[in-house]
Amino acid sequence: KSSEPLTGQLEPGGKYYYTVEHSTLVAFAVGPKKNEGSFGFHMIGGHTDSPNIKLKPKSKKAASGCTMLSVECYGGGLWHTWFDRDLSVSGRVLVQQQPQKDEKFVTTE
């Protein structure tokens, strides 16, 4: 396991993974008959970020004594199924703390 792209030796039959910026997972296995200098590979991919509701930049608004956040739909959801369920907020946010920005993971129940 690593959080950086692999730079070491790949062993026959080895299983490896690494992450990129806490949002991408790269995983693979090396075949048991790997020969130095020449071997093939198969690749598959997927992505699971849909559907969701994303906060718009500069989304904070106030009206009628309430604080609101503007959102936009992302992905092709079956939105009518969301009307009768509790929603929460979770994800990654950047917090400006002089002199740097810190990344935080948040979730609400």
PDB file of N, CA and C in Angstrom:
ATOM      1  N   LYS A   1       0.846  -1.192   0.000  1.00  0.00           N
ATOM      2  CA  LYS A   1       0.000   0.000   0.000  1.00  0.00           C
ATOM      3  C   LYS A   1       0.875   1.232   0.000  1.00  0.00           C
ATOM      4  N   SER A   2       0.494   2.243  -0.741  1.00  0.00           N
ATOM      5  CA  SER A   2       1.244   3.478  -0.810  1.00  0.00           C
ATOM      6  C   SER A   2       0.288   4.613  -1.144  1.00  0.00           C
ATOM      7  N   SER A   3       0.661   5.853  -0.802  1.00  0.00           N
ATOM      8  CA  SER A   3      -0.136   6.994  -1.228  1.00  0.00           C
ATOM      9  C   SER A   3       0.541   7.697  -2.402  1.00  0.00           C
ATOM     10  N   GLU A   4       1.603   7.119  -2.908  1.00  0.00           N
ATOM     11  CA  GLU A   4       2.319   7.639  -4.071  1.00  0.00           C
ATOM     12  C   GLU A   4       2.365   6.549  -5.142  1.00  0.00           C
ATOM     13  N   PRO A   5       2.492   6.936  -6.414  1.00  0.00           N
ATOM     14  CA  PRO A   5       2.659   5.914  -7.448  1.00  0.00           C
ATOM     15  C   PRO A   5       3.826   4.991  -7.116  1.00  0.00           C
ATOM     16  N   LEU A   6       3.680   3.723  -7.446  1.00  0.00           N
ATOM     17  CA  LEU A   6       4.697   2.740  -7.099  1.00  0.00           C
ATOM     18  C   LEU A   6       5.984   2.966  -7.872  1.00  0.00           C
ATOM     19  N   THR A   7       7.104   2.844  -7.183  1.00  0.00           N
ATOM     20  CA  THR A   7       8.406   2.994  -7.825  1.00  0.00           C
ATOM     21  C   THR A   7       9.286   1.774  -7.588  1.00  0.00           C
ATOM     22  N   GLY A   8       8.852   0.844  -6.739  1.00  0.00           N
ATOM     23  CA  GLY A   8       9.657  -0.334  -6.415  1.00  0.00           C
ATOM     24  C   GLY A   8       9.450  -1.464  -7.400  1.00  0.00           C
ATOM     25  N   GLN A   9       9.982  -2.628  -7.041  1.00  0.00           N
ATOM     26  CA  GLN A   9       9.876  -3.813  -7.874  1.00  0.00           C
ATOM     27  C   GLN A   9       8.495  -4.447  -7.736  1.00  0.00           C
ATOM     28  N   LEU A  10       7.982  -4.951  -8.834  1.00  0.00           N
ATOM     29  CA  LEU A  10       6.740  -5.708  -8.835  1.00  0.00           C
ATOM     30  C   LEU A  10       7.105  -7.184  -8.822  1.00  0.00           C
ATOM     31  N   GLU A  11       6.541  -7.917  -7.882  1.00  0.00           N
ATOM     32  CA  GLU A  11       6.852  -9.338  -7.733  1.00  0.00           C
ATOM     33  C   GLU A  11       5.794 -10.195  -8.415  1.00  0.00           C
ATOM     34  N   PRO A  12       6.179 -11.324  -9.010  1.00  0.00           N
ATOM     35  CA  PRO A  12       5.187 -12.240  -9.590  1.00  0.00           C
ATOM     36  C   PRO A  12       4.162 -12.643  -8.534  1.00  0.00           C
ATOM     37  N   GLY A  13       2.879 -12.560  -8.886  1.00  0.00           N
ATOM     38  CA  GLY A  13       1.813 -12.902  -7.956  1.00  0.00           C
ATOM     39  C   GLY A  13       1.513 -11.821  -6.936  1.00  0.00           C
ATOM     40  N   GLY A  14       2.209 -10.692  -6.989  1.00  0.00           N
ATOM     41  CA  GLY A  14       2.002  -9.612  -6.015  1.00  0.00           C
ATOM     42  C   GLY A  14       0.713  -8.854  -6.253  1.00  0.00           C
ATOM     43  N   LYS A  15       0.140  -8.313  -5.171  1.00  0.00           N
ATOM     44  CA  LYS A  15      -1.069  -7.485  -5.237  1.00  0.00           C
ATOM     45  C   LYS A  15      -0.722  -6.131  -4.636  1.00  0.00           C
ATOM     46  N   TYR A  16      -1.079  -5.063  -5.351  1.00  0.00           N
ATOM     47  CA  TYR A  16      -0.655  -3.730  -4.969  1.00  0.00           C
ATOM     48  C   TYR A  16      -1.810  -2.735  -5.092  1.00  0.00           C
ATOM     49  N   TYR A  17      -1.750  -1.671  -4.288  1.00  0.00           N
ATOM     50  CA  TYR A  17      -2.671  -0.560  -4.475  1.00  0.00           C
ATOM     51  C   TYR A  17      -2.051   0.712  -3.930  1.00  0.00           C
ATOM     52  N   TYR A  18      -2.538   1.828  -4.436  1.00  0.00           N
ATOM     53  CA  TYR A  18      -2.165   3.124  -3.897  1.00  0.00           C
ATOM     54  C   TYR A  18      -3.335   4.082  -4.102  1.00  0.00           C
ATOM     55  N   THR A  19      -3.316   5.182  -3.367  1.00  0.00           N
ATOM     56  CA  THR A  19      -4.367   6.178  -3.460  1.00  0.00           C
ATOM     57  C   THR A  19      -3.787   7.493  -3.945  1.00  0.00           C
ATOM     58  N   VAL A  20      -4.645   8.316  -4.547  1.00  0.00           N
ATOM     59  CA  VAL A  20      -4.253   9.630  -5.020  1.00  0.00           C
ATOM     60  C   VAL A  20      -5.231  10.642  -4.438  1.00  0.00           C
ATOM     61  N   GLU A  21      -4.732  11.557  -3.625  1.00  0.00           N
ATOM     62  CA  GLU A  21      -5.515  12.648  -3.046  1.00  0.00           C
ATOM     63  C   GLU A  21      -6.789  12.174  -2.349  1.00  0.00           C
ATOM     64  N   HIS A  22      -6.750  11.051  -1.703  1.00  0.00           N
ATOM     65  CA  HIS A  22      -7.877  10.509  -0.934  1.00  0.00           C
ATOM     66  C   HIS A  22      -9.145  10.326  -1.762  1.00  0.00           C
ATOM     67  N   SER A  23      -9.031  10.314  -3.093  1.00  0.00           N
ATOM     68  CA  SER A  23     -10.241  10.185  -3.897  1.00  0.00           C
ATOM     69  C   SER A  23     -10.117   9.170  -5.028  1.00  0.00           C
ATOM     70  N   THR A  24      -8.933   8.703  -5.315  1.00  0.00           N
ATOM     71  CA  THR A  24      -8.731   7.737  -6.386  1.00  0.00           C
ATOM     72  C   THR A  24      -8.005   6.520  -5.832  1.00  0.00           C
ATOM     73  N   LEU A  25      -8.494   5.359  -6.161  1.00  0.00           N
ATOM     74  CA  LEU A  25      -7.857   4.114  -5.749  1.00  0.00           C
ATOM     75  C   LEU A  25      -7.363   3.395  -7.002  1.00  0.00           C
ATOM     76  N   VAL A  26      -6.094   3.033  -7.004  1.00  0.00           N
ATOM     77  CA  VAL A  26      -5.506   2.253  -8.099  1.00  0.00           C
ATOM     78  C   VAL A  26      -5.080   0.921  -7.502  1.00  0.00           C
ATOM     79  N   ALA A  27      -5.611  -0.179  -8.007  1.00  0.00           N
ATOM     80  CA  ALA A  27      -5.288  -1.510  -7.483  1.00  0.00           C
ATOM     81  C   ALA A  27      -5.010  -2.445  -8.653  1.00  0.00           C
ATOM     82  N   PHE A  28      -4.054  -3.356  -8.462  1.00  0.00           N
ATOM     83  CA  PHE A  28      -3.735  -4.305  -9.515  1.00  0.00           C
ATOM     84  C   PHE A  28      -2.999  -5.501  -8.936  1.00  0.00           C
ATOM     85  N   ALA A  29      -3.001  -6.575  -9.701  1.00  0.00           N
ATOM     86  CA  ALA A  29      -2.271  -7.792  -9.335  1.00  0.00           C
ATOM     87  C   ALA A  29      -1.352  -8.153 -10.495  1.00  0.00           C
ATOM     88  N   VAL A  30      -0.177  -8.624 -10.159  1.00  0.00           N
ATOM     89  CA  VAL A  30       0.791  -9.057 -11.165  1.00  0.00           C
ATOM     90  C   VAL A  30       0.624 -10.562 -11.338  1.00  0.00           C
ATOM     91  N   GLY A  31       0.583 -11.013 -12.575  1.00  0.00           N
ATOM     92  CA  GLY A  31       0.430 -12.442 -12.842  1.00  0.00           C
ATOM     93  C   GLY A  31       1.577 -13.261 -12.266  1.00  0.00           C
ATOM     94  N   PRO A  32       1.319 -14.530 -12.000  1.00  0.00           N
ATOM     95  CA  PRO A  32       2.351 -15.370 -11.387  1.00  0.00           C
ATOM     96  C   PRO A  32       3.525 -15.691 -12.303  1.00  0.00           C
ATOM     97  N   LYS A  33       3.397 -15.442 -13.617  1.00  0.00           N
ATOM     98  CA  LYS A  33       4.470 -15.779 -14.554  1.00  0.00           C
ATOM     99  C   LYS A  33       5.127 -14.532 -15.143  1.00  0.00           C
ATOM    100  N   LYS A  34       5.138 -13.447 -14.402  1.00  0.00           N
ATOM    101  CA  LYS A  34       5.752 -12.209 -14.885  1.00  0.00           C
ATOM    102  C   LYS A  34       7.234 -12.422 -15.168  1.00  0.00           C
ATOM    103  N   ASN A  35       7.671 -12.019 -16.357  1.00  0.00           N
ATOM    104  CA  ASN A  35       9.084 -12.093 -16.732  1.00  0.00           C
ATOM    105  C   ASN A  35       9.648 -10.682 -16.785  1.00  0.00           C
ATOM    106  N   GLU A  36      10.856 -10.511 -16.370  1.00  0.00           N
ATOM    107  CA  GLU A  36      11.492  -9.199 -16.410  1.00  0.00           C
ATOM    108  C   GLU A  36      11.528  -8.662 -17.832  1.00  0.00           C
ATOM    109  N   GLY A  37      11.158  -7.403 -17.989  1.00  0.00           N
ATOM    110  CA  GLY A  37      11.284  -6.733 -19.278  1.00  0.00           C
ATOM    111  C   GLY A  37      10.129  -6.916 -20.233  1.00  0.00           C
ATOM    112  N   SER A  38       9.319  -7.953 -20.066  1.00  0.00           N
ATOM    113  CA  SER A  38       8.256  -8.176 -21.032  1.00  0.00           C
ATOM    114  C   SER A  38       7.099  -8.914 -20.380  1.00  0.00           C
ATOM    115  N   PHE A  39       5.992  -8.215 -20.207  1.00  0.00           N
ATOM    116  CA  PHE A  39       4.776  -8.877 -19.755  1.00  0.00           C
ATOM    117  C   PHE A  39       3.587  -8.000 -20.106  1.00  0.00           C
ATOM    118  N   GLY A  40       2.452  -8.617 -20.322  1.00  0.00           N
ATOM    119  CA  GLY A  40       1.238  -7.893 -20.659  1.00  0.00           C
ATOM    120  C   GLY A  40       0.391  -7.643 -19.425  1.00  0.00           C
ATOM    121  N   PHE A  41      -0.673  -6.922 -19.612  1.00  0.00           N
ATOM    122  CA  PHE A  41      -1.580  -6.672 -18.504  1.00  0.00           C
ATOM    123  C   PHE A  41      -2.976  -6.397 -19.034  1.00  0.00           C
ATOM    124  N   HIS A  42      -3.952  -6.565 -18.180  1.00  0.00           N
ATOM    125  CA  HIS A  42      -5.340  -6.222 -18.461  1.00  0.00           C
ATOM    126  C   HIS A  42      -5.708  -5.083 -17.531  1.00  0.00           C
ATOM    127  N   MET A  43      -6.547  -4.191 -17.998  1.00  0.00           N
ATOM    128  CA  MET A  43      -6.933  -3.049 -17.181  1.00  0.00           C
ATOM    129  C   MET A  43      -8.451  -2.903 -17.203  1.00  0.00           C
ATOM    130  N   ILE A  44      -9.011  -2.620 -16.056  1.00  0.00           N
ATOM    131  CA  ILE A  44     -10.423  -2.296 -15.966  1.00  0.00           C
ATOM    132  C   ILE A  44     -10.545  -0.999 -15.183  1.00  0.00           C
ATOM    133  N   GLY A  45     -11.668  -0.340 -15.298  1.00  0.00           N
ATOM    134  CA  GLY A  45     -11.867   0.905 -14.558  1.00  0.00           C
ATOM    135  C   GLY A  45     -13.335   1.099 -14.249  1.00  0.00           C
ATOM    136  N   GLY A  46     -13.573   1.940 -13.319  1.00  0.00           N
ATOM    137  CA  GLY A  46     -14.941   2.265 -12.959  1.00  0.00           C
ATOM    138  C   GLY A  46     -14.967   3.576 -12.208  1.00  0.00           C
ATOM    139  N   HIS A  47     -16.161   4.133 -12.079  1.00  0.00           N
ATOM    140  CA  HIS A  47     -16.262   5.324 -11.250  1.00  0.00           C
ATOM    141  C   HIS A  47     -17.647   5.400 -10.640  1.00  0.00           C
ATOM    142  N   THR A  48     -17.689   5.876  -9.409  1.00  0.00           N
ATOM    143  CA  THR A  48     -18.923   5.783  -8.621  1.00  0.00           C
ATOM    144  C   THR A  48     -19.301   7.114  -7.986  1.00  0.00           C
ATOM    145  N   ASP A  49     -19.106   8.218  -8.667  1.00  0.00           N
ATOM    146  CA  ASP A  49     -19.398   9.509  -8.057  1.00  0.00           C
ATOM    147  C   ASP A  49     -20.784  10.034  -8.406  1.00  0.00           C
ATOM    148  N   SER A  50     -21.651   9.192  -8.927  1.00  0.00           N
ATOM    149  CA  SER A  50     -22.945   9.661  -9.377  1.00  0.00           C
ATOM    150  C   SER A  50     -24.039   8.825  -8.751  1.00  0.00           C
ATOM    151  N   PRO A  51     -25.165   9.330  -8.411  1.00  0.00           N
ATOM    152  CA  PRO A  51     -25.511  10.747  -8.438  1.00  0.00           C
ATOM    153  C   PRO A  51     -25.162  11.416  -7.108  1.00  0.00           C
ATOM    154  N   ASN A  52     -25.048  12.716  -7.135  1.00  0.00           N
ATOM    155  CA  ASN A  52     -24.890  13.457  -5.892  1.00  0.00           C
ATOM    156  C   ASN A  52     -25.302  14.902  -6.092  1.00  0.00           C
ATOM    157  N   ILE A  53     -25.340  15.600  -5.013  1.00  0.00           N
ATOM    158  CA  ILE A  53     -25.667  17.017  -5.036  1.00  0.00           C
ATOM    159  C   ILE A  53     -24.424  17.755  -4.576  1.00  0.00           C
ATOM    160  N   LYS A  54     -23.933  18.669  -5.393  1.00  0.00           N
ATOM    161  CA  LYS A  54     -22.702  19.396  -5.089  1.00  0.00           C
ATOM    162  C   LYS A  54     -23.024  20.827  -4.675  1.00  0.00           C
ATOM    163  N   LEU A  55     -22.266  21.324  -3.699  1.00  0.00           N
ATOM    164  CA  LEU A  55     -22.407  22.724  -3.314  1.00  0.00           C
ATOM    165  C   LEU A  55     -21.857  23.608  -4.426  1.00  0.00           C
ATOM    166  N   LYS A  56     -22.567  24.682  -4.731  1.00  0.00           N
ATOM    167  CA  LYS A  56     -22.077  25.632  -5.716  1.00  0.00           C
ATOM    168  C   LYS A  56     -21.034  26.538  -5.055  1.00  0.00           C
ATOM    169  N   PRO A  57     -20.080  27.035  -5.837  1.00  0.00           N
ATOM    170  CA  PRO A  57     -19.145  28.011  -5.271  1.00  0.00           C
ATOM    171  C   PRO A  57     -19.919  29.237  -4.778  1.00  0.00           C
ATOM    172  N   LYS A  58     -19.483  29.803  -3.690  1.00  0.00           N
ATOM    173  CA  LYS A  58     -20.159  30.971  -3.098  1.00  0.00           C
ATOM    174  C   LYS A  58     -21.640  30.670  -2.908  1.00  0.00           C
ATOM    175  N   SER A  59     -21.937  29.566  -2.247  1.00  0.00           N
ATOM    176  CA  SER A  59     -23.319  29.088  -2.165  1.00  0.00           C
ATOM    177  C   SER A  59     -24.106  29.608  -0.968  1.00  0.00           C
ATOM    178  N   LYS A  60     -23.454  30.217   0.010  1.00  0.00           N
ATOM    179  CA  LYS A  60     -24.150  30.629   1.230  1.00  0.00           C
ATOM    180  C   LYS A  60     -25.068  31.819   0.958  1.00  0.00           C
ATOM    181  N   LYS A  61     -26.331  31.647   1.367  1.00  0.00           N
ATOM    182  CA  LYS A  61     -27.339  32.697   1.206  1.00  0.00           C
ATOM    183  C   LYS A  61     -28.181  32.764   2.471  1.00  0.00           C
ATOM    184  N   ALA A  62     -28.759  33.900   2.733  1.00  0.00           N
ATOM    185  CA  ALA A  62     -29.629  34.057   3.899  1.00  0.00           C
ATOM    186  C   ALA A  62     -30.938  34.692   3.449  1.00  0.00           C
ATOM    187  N   ALA A  63     -32.051  34.168   3.967  1.00  0.00           N
ATOM    188  CA  ALA A  63     -33.380  34.713   3.680  1.00  0.00           C
ATOM    189  C   ALA A  63     -34.333  34.238   4.757  1.00  0.00           C
ATOM    190  N   SER A  64     -35.239  35.104   5.170  1.00  0.00           N
ATOM    191  CA  SER A  64     -36.269  34.760   6.166  1.00  0.00           C
ATOM    192  C   SER A  64     -35.664  34.186   7.444  1.00  0.00           C
ATOM    193  N   GLY A  65     -34.501  34.674   7.832  1.00  0.00           N
ATOM    194  CA  GLY A  65     -33.871  34.207   9.067  1.00  0.00           C
ATOM    195  C   GLY A  65     -33.198  32.847   8.957  1.00  0.00           C
ATOM    196  N   CYS A  66     -33.068  32.311   7.743  1.00  0.00           N
ATOM    197  CA  CYS A  66     -32.442  31.001   7.544  1.00  0.00           C
ATOM    198  C   CYS A  66     -31.166  31.149   6.724  1.00  0.00           C
ATOM    199  N   THR A  67     -30.196  30.304   7.010  1.00  0.00           N
ATOM    200  CA  THR A  67     -28.997  30.221   6.190  1.00  0.00           C
ATOM    201  C   THR A  67     -29.178  29.050   5.233  1.00  0.00           C
ATOM    202  N   MET A  68     -28.936  29.293   3.951  1.00  0.00           N
ATOM    203  CA  MET A  68     -29.135  28.267   2.934  1.00  0.00           C
ATOM    204  C   MET A  68     -27.865  28.097   2.121  1.00  0.00           C
ATOM    205  N   LEU A  69     -27.718  26.925   1.521  1.00  0.00           N
ATOM    206  CA  LEU A  69     -26.606  26.633   0.631  1.00  0.00           C
ATOM    207  C   LEU A  69     -27.165  26.263  -0.738  1.00  0.00           C
ATOM    208  N   SER A  70     -26.674  26.908  -1.777  1.00  0.00           N
ATOM    209  CA  SER A  70     -27.106  26.587  -3.139  1.00  0.00           C
ATOM    210  C   SER A  70     -26.389  25.328  -3.607  1.00  0.00           C
ATOM    211  N   VAL A  71     -27.136  24.438  -4.264  1.00  0.00           N
ATOM    212  CA  VAL A  71     -26.572  23.174  -4.730  1.00  0.00           C
ATOM    213  C   VAL A  71     -26.907  22.963  -6.202  1.00  0.00           C
ATOM    214  N   GLU A  72     -26.198  22.005  -6.813  1.00  0.00           N
ATOM    215  CA  GLU A  72     -26.503  21.603  -8.175  1.00  0.00           C
ATOM    216  C   GLU A  72     -26.481  20.087  -8.247  1.00  0.00           C
ATOM    217  N   CYS A  73     -27.294  19.528  -9.112  1.00  0.00           N
ATOM    218  CA  CYS A  73     -27.352  18.081  -9.288  1.00  0.00           C
ATOM    219  C   CYS A  73     -26.197  17.631 -10.172  1.00  0.00           C
ATOM    220  N   TYR A  74     -25.587  16.515  -9.813  1.00  0.00           N
ATOM    221  CA  TYR A  74     -24.486  15.963 -10.591  1.00  0.00           C
ATOM    222  C   TYR A  74     -24.804  14.499 -10.859  1.00  0.00           C
ATOM    223  N   GLY A  75     -24.778  14.112 -12.085  1.00  0.00           N
ATOM    224  CA  GLY A  75     -25.052  12.728 -12.434  1.00  0.00           C
ATOM    225  C   GLY A  75     -26.524  12.517 -12.742  1.00  0.00           C
ATOM    226  N   GLY A  76     -26.836  11.335 -13.193  1.00  0.00           N
ATOM    227  CA  GLY A  76     -28.198  11.020 -13.593  1.00  0.00           C
ATOM    228  C   GLY A  76     -28.925  10.215 -12.530  1.00  0.00           C
ATOM    229  N   GLY A  77     -29.429  10.891 -11.532  1.00  0.00           N
ATOM    230  CA  GLY A  77     -30.111  10.202 -10.447  1.00  0.00           C
ATOM    231  C   GLY A  77     -31.589  10.009 -10.699  1.00  0.00           C
ATOM    232  N   LEU A  78     -32.179   9.141  -9.930  1.00  0.00           N
ATOM    233  CA  LEU A  78     -33.637   8.990  -9.912  1.00  0.00           C
ATOM    234  C   LEU A  78     -34.131   9.909  -8.802  1.00  0.00           C
ATOM    235  N   TRP A  79     -34.224  11.193  -9.106  1.00  0.00           N
ATOM    236  CA  TRP A  79     -34.419  12.214  -8.083  1.00  0.00           C
ATOM    237  C   TRP A  79     -35.751  12.074  -7.349  1.00  0.00           C
ATOM    238  N   HIS A  80     -36.794  11.559  -7.976  1.00  0.00           N
ATOM    239  CA  HIS A  80     -38.077  11.421  -7.292  1.00  0.00           C
ATOM    240  C   HIS A  80     -37.982  10.469  -6.100  1.00  0.00           C
ATOM    241  N   THR A  81     -36.995   9.592  -6.063  1.00  0.00           N
ATOM    242  CA  THR A  81     -36.854   8.678  -4.924  1.00  0.00           C
ATOM    243  C   THR A  81     -36.210   9.354  -3.718  1.00  0.00           C
ATOM    244  N   TRP A  82     -35.725  10.585  -3.878  1.00  0.00           N
ATOM    245  CA  TRP A  82     -35.057  11.291  -2.780  1.00  0.00           C
ATOM    246  C   TRP A  82     -36.047  12.085  -1.920  1.00  0.00           C
ATOM    247  N   PHE A  83     -37.258  12.239  -2.346  1.00  0.00           N
ATOM    248  CA  PHE A  83     -38.193  13.122  -1.647  1.00  0.00           C
ATOM    249  C   PHE A  83     -38.614  12.627  -0.284  1.00  0.00           C
ATOM    250  N   ASP A  84     -38.553  11.331  -0.020  1.00  0.00           N
ATOM    251  CA  ASP A  84     -39.027  10.798   1.259  1.00  0.00           C
ATOM    252  C   ASP A  84     -37.892  10.268   2.132  1.00  0.00           C
ATOM    253  N   ARG A  85     -36.685  10.721   1.951  1.00  0.00           N
ATOM    254  CA  ARG A  85     -35.578  10.233   2.776  1.00  0.00           C
ATOM    255  C   ARG A  85     -34.786  11.385   3.368  1.00  0.00           C
ATOM    256  N   ASP A  86     -34.173  11.110   4.513  1.00  0.00           N
ATOM    257  CA  ASP A  86     -33.312  12.095   5.149  1.00  0.00           C
ATOM    258  C   ASP A  86     -32.032  12.223   4.346  1.00  0.00           C
ATOM    259  N   LEU A  87     -31.570  13.443   4.188  1.00  0.00           N
ATOM    260  CA  LEU A  87     -30.333  13.686   3.473  1.00  0.00           C
ATOM    261  C   LEU A  87     -29.272  14.181   4.450  1.00  0.00           C
ATOM    262  N   SER A  88     -28.017  14.009   4.102  1.00  0.00           N
ATOM    263  CA  SER A  88     -26.919  14.490   4.938  1.00  0.00           C
ATOM    264  C   SER A  88     -25.866  15.111   4.033  1.00  0.00           C
ATOM    265  N   VAL A  89     -24.875  15.690   4.646  1.00  0.00           N
ATOM    266  CA  VAL A  89     -23.773  16.305   3.915  1.00  0.00           C
ATOM    267  C   VAL A  89     -22.504  15.574   4.302  1.00  0.00           C
ATOM    268  N   SER A  90     -21.703  15.200   3.319  1.00  0.00           N
ATOM    269  CA  SER A  90     -20.406  14.592   3.598  1.00  0.00           C
ATOM    270  C   SER A  90     -19.486  14.878   2.436  1.00  0.00           C
ATOM    271  N   GLY A  91     -18.197  14.832   2.702  1.00  0.00           N
ATOM    272  CA  GLY A  91     -17.239  15.038   1.634  1.00  0.00           C
ATOM    273  C   GLY A  91     -15.981  15.723   2.108  1.00  0.00           C
ATOM    274  N   ARG A  92     -15.295  16.289   1.169  1.00  0.00           N
ATOM    275  CA  ARG A  92     -14.005  16.915   1.411  1.00  0.00           C
ATOM    276  C   ARG A  92     -14.158  18.425   1.254  1.00  0.00           C
ATOM    277  N   VAL A  93     -13.656  19.179   2.202  1.00  0.00           N
ATOM    278  CA  VAL A  93     -13.694  20.638   2.125  1.00  0.00           C
ATOM    279  C   VAL A  93     -12.294  21.191   2.364  1.00  0.00           C
ATOM    280  N   LEU A  94     -12.035  22.351   1.808  1.00  0.00           N
ATOM    281  CA  LEU A  94     -10.783  23.052   2.051  1.00  0.00           C
ATOM    282  C   LEU A  94     -11.065  24.191   3.009  1.00  0.00           C
ATOM    283  N   VAL A  95     -10.272  24.289   4.068  1.00  0.00           N
ATOM    284  CA  VAL A  95     -10.439  25.317   5.084  1.00  0.00           C
ATOM    285  C   VAL A  95      -9.222  26.229   5.036  1.00  0.00           C
ATOM    286  N   GLN A  96      -9.475  27.528   4.865  1.00  0.00           N
ATOM    287  CA  GLN A  96      -8.379  28.498   4.817  1.00  0.00           C
ATOM    288  C   GLN A  96      -7.946  28.814   6.240  1.00  0.00           C
ATOM    289  N   GLN A  97      -6.736  28.405   6.589  1.00  0.00           N
ATOM    290  CA  GLN A  97      -6.141  28.720   7.876  1.00  0.00           C
ATOM    291  C   GLN A  97      -4.781  29.324   7.575  1.00  0.00           C
ATOM    292  N   GLN A  98      -4.707  30.635   7.709  1.00  0.00           N
ATOM    293  CA  GLN A  98      -3.483  31.342   7.309  1.00  0.00           C
ATOM    294  C   GLN A  98      -2.261  30.681   7.905  1.00  0.00           C
ATOM    295  N   PRO A  99      -1.208  30.460   7.172  1.00  0.00           N
ATOM    296  CA  PRO A  99      -0.998  30.868   5.770  1.00  0.00           C
ATOM    297  C   PRO A  99      -1.317  29.756   4.771  1.00  0.00           C
ATOM    298  N   GLN A 100      -2.017  28.721   5.166  1.00  0.00           N
ATOM    299  CA  GLN A 100      -2.235  27.592   4.262  1.00  0.00           C
ATOM    300  C   GLN A 100      -3.695  27.161   4.256  1.00  0.00           C
ATOM    301  N   LYS A 101      -4.008  26.267   3.325  1.00  0.00           N
ATOM    302  CA  LYS A 101      -5.330  25.650   3.254  1.00  0.00           C
ATOM    303  C   LYS A 101      -5.192  24.222   3.739  1.00  0.00           C
ATOM    304  N   ASP A 102      -6.108  23.802   4.601  1.00  0.00           N
ATOM    305  CA  ASP A 102      -6.119  22.424   5.094  1.00  0.00           C
ATOM    306  C   ASP A 102      -7.316  21.692   4.515  1.00  0.00           C
ATOM    307  N   GLU A 103      -7.114  20.417   4.205  1.00  0.00           N
ATOM    308  CA  GLU A 103      -8.184  19.571   3.699  1.00  0.00           C
ATOM    309  C   GLU A 103      -8.820  18.842   4.871  1.00  0.00           C
ATOM    310  N   LYS A 104     -10.152  18.887   4.954  1.00  0.00           N
ATOM    311  CA  LYS A 104     -10.887  18.225   6.037  1.00  0.00           C
ATOM    312  C   LYS A 104     -11.951  17.341   5.427  1.00  0.00           C
ATOM    313  N   PHE A 105     -12.226  16.225   6.091  1.00  0.00           N
ATOM    314  CA  PHE A 105     -13.327  15.354   5.706  1.00  0.00           C
ATOM    315  C   PHE A 105     -14.465  15.588   6.685  1.00  0.00           C
ATOM    316  N   VAL A 106     -15.672  15.798   6.164  1.00  0.00           N
ATOM    317  CA  VAL A 106     -16.816  16.088   7.024  1.00  0.00           C
ATOM    318  C   VAL A 106     -17.964  15.153   6.688  1.00  0.00           C
ATOM    319  N   THR A 107     -18.800  14.929   7.680  1.00  0.00           N
ATOM    320  CA  THR A 107     -20.040  14.174   7.470  1.00  0.00           C
ATOM    321  C   THR A 107     -21.035  14.590   8.530  1.00  0.00           C
ATOM    322  N   THR A 108     -22.300  14.584   8.183  1.00  0.00           N
ATOM    323  CA  THR A 108     -23.363  14.874   9.138  1.00  0.00           C
ATOM    324  C   THR A 108     -24.326  13.707   9.134  1.00  0.00           C
ATOM    325  N   GLU A 109     -25.005  13.528  10.203  1.00  0.00           N
ATOM    326  CA  GLU A 109     -25.972  12.419  10.305  1.00  0.00           C
ATOM    327  C   GLU A 109     -27.369  12.971  10.304  1.00  0.00           C
TER     328      GLU A 109
END
